[in-house]
Amino acid sequence: GVVKDVLSLNERVYVCAECGSILDRDLNAAINLRNMAASPAVTACGACVRPGLPGSGRGSRNRAPDGTVS
């Protein structure tokens, strides 16, 4: 649950400031993404990405290459 605000690209190892765990940064990122994907609270564009959950009825918004939203 600890977040390191800045992790430069040349830092290939993540060291947890709370417990001292040492992980390859890519492995740590993969674990975080897996955990986020399993969570019903993950949202995209402000809408729930899990059908049937609150907020899932919102329409999606598409962003064009120039940054405009449709």
Protein backbone atom coordinates (compact mmCIF):
# COMPACT_ATOMS: atom_id res chain seq x y z
CA GLY A 1 0.00 0.00 0.00
CA VAL A 2 3.01 2.30 0.07
CA VAL A 3 3.34 4.65 -2.91
CA LYS A 4 6.71 6.02 -3.98
CA ASP A 5 5.95 9.36 -5.62
CA VAL A 6 9.03 9.37 -7.83
CA LEU A 7 10.72 6.30 -9.30
CA SER A 8 13.09 7.25 -12.10
CA LEU A 9 13.49 4.93 -15.07
CA ASN A 10 17.08 4.09 -14.10
CA GLU A 11 15.89 2.68 -10.76
CA ARG A 12 15.27 -0.95 -11.71
CA VAL A 13 14.53 -2.12 -8.15
CA TYR A 14 11.70 -0.98 -5.88
CA VAL A 15 12.44 -0.97 -2.16
CA CYS A 16 9.40 -0.53 0.10
CA ALA A 17 10.06 2.21 2.65
CA GLU A 18 7.52 0.60 5.01
CA CYS A 19 8.56 -3.06 5.17
CA GLY A 20 11.87 -3.20 3.27
CA SER A 21 10.64 -5.59 0.56
CA ILE A 22 12.78 -5.53 -2.56
CA LEU A 23 11.19 -6.19 -5.96
CA ASP A 24 12.09 -5.70 -9.59
CA ARG A 25 10.19 -2.53 -10.58
CA ASP A 26 8.44 -4.29 -13.50
CA LEU A 27 7.32 -7.18 -11.30
CA ASN A 28 6.02 -4.69 -8.73
CA ALA A 29 4.11 -2.82 -11.46
CA ALA A 30 2.62 -6.08 -12.75
CA ILE A 31 1.45 -7.03 -9.25
CA ASN A 32 -0.11 -3.59 -8.79
CA LEU A 33 -1.93 -3.81 -12.15
CA ARG A 34 -3.21 -7.31 -11.34
CA ASN A 35 -4.54 -6.09 -8.00
CA MET A 36 -6.17 -3.04 -9.58
CA ALA A 37 -7.82 -5.17 -12.28
CA ALA A 38 -9.37 -7.41 -9.62
CA SER A 39 -10.85 -4.42 -7.81
CA PRO A 40 -14.43 -3.36 -8.65
CA ALA A 41 -13.41 0.24 -7.94
CA VAL A 42 -11.20 0.55 -11.04
CA THR A 43 -12.63 3.19 -13.34
CA ALA A 44 -11.93 4.47 -16.83
CA CYS A 45 -12.90 8.00 -17.88
CA GLY A 46 -14.81 8.34 -14.61
CA ALA A 47 -17.11 5.41 -15.32
CA CYS A 48 -17.23 2.02 -13.66
CA VAL A 49 -15.61 -0.59 -15.88
CA ARG A 50 -17.49 -3.50 -14.32
CA PRO A 51 -20.99 -3.98 -15.83
CA GLY A 52 -23.82 -3.87 -13.33
CA LEU A 53 -21.95 -1.80 -10.73
CA PRO A 54 -22.86 1.76 -9.80
CA GLY A 55 -21.65 4.20 -12.43
CA SER A 56 -21.51 1.63 -15.22
CA GLY A 57 -24.37 3.32 -17.05
CA ARG A 58 -22.39 6.46 -17.79
CA GLY A 59 -21.43 7.03 -21.39
CA SER A 60 -17.80 6.87 -22.33
CA ARG A 61 -15.97 9.88 -23.69
CA ASN A 62 -13.52 9.57 -26.54
CA ARG A 63 -10.40 11.71 -26.73
CA ALA A 64 -9.20 12.62 -30.22
CA PRO A 65 -5.47 12.83 -31.06
CA ASP A 66 -5.66 16.63 -30.78
CA GLY A 67 -6.89 16.30 -27.15
CA THR A 68 -10.53 17.25 -27.75
CA VAL A 69 -13.22 15.14 -26.09
CA SER A 70 -16.31 13.91 -27.92
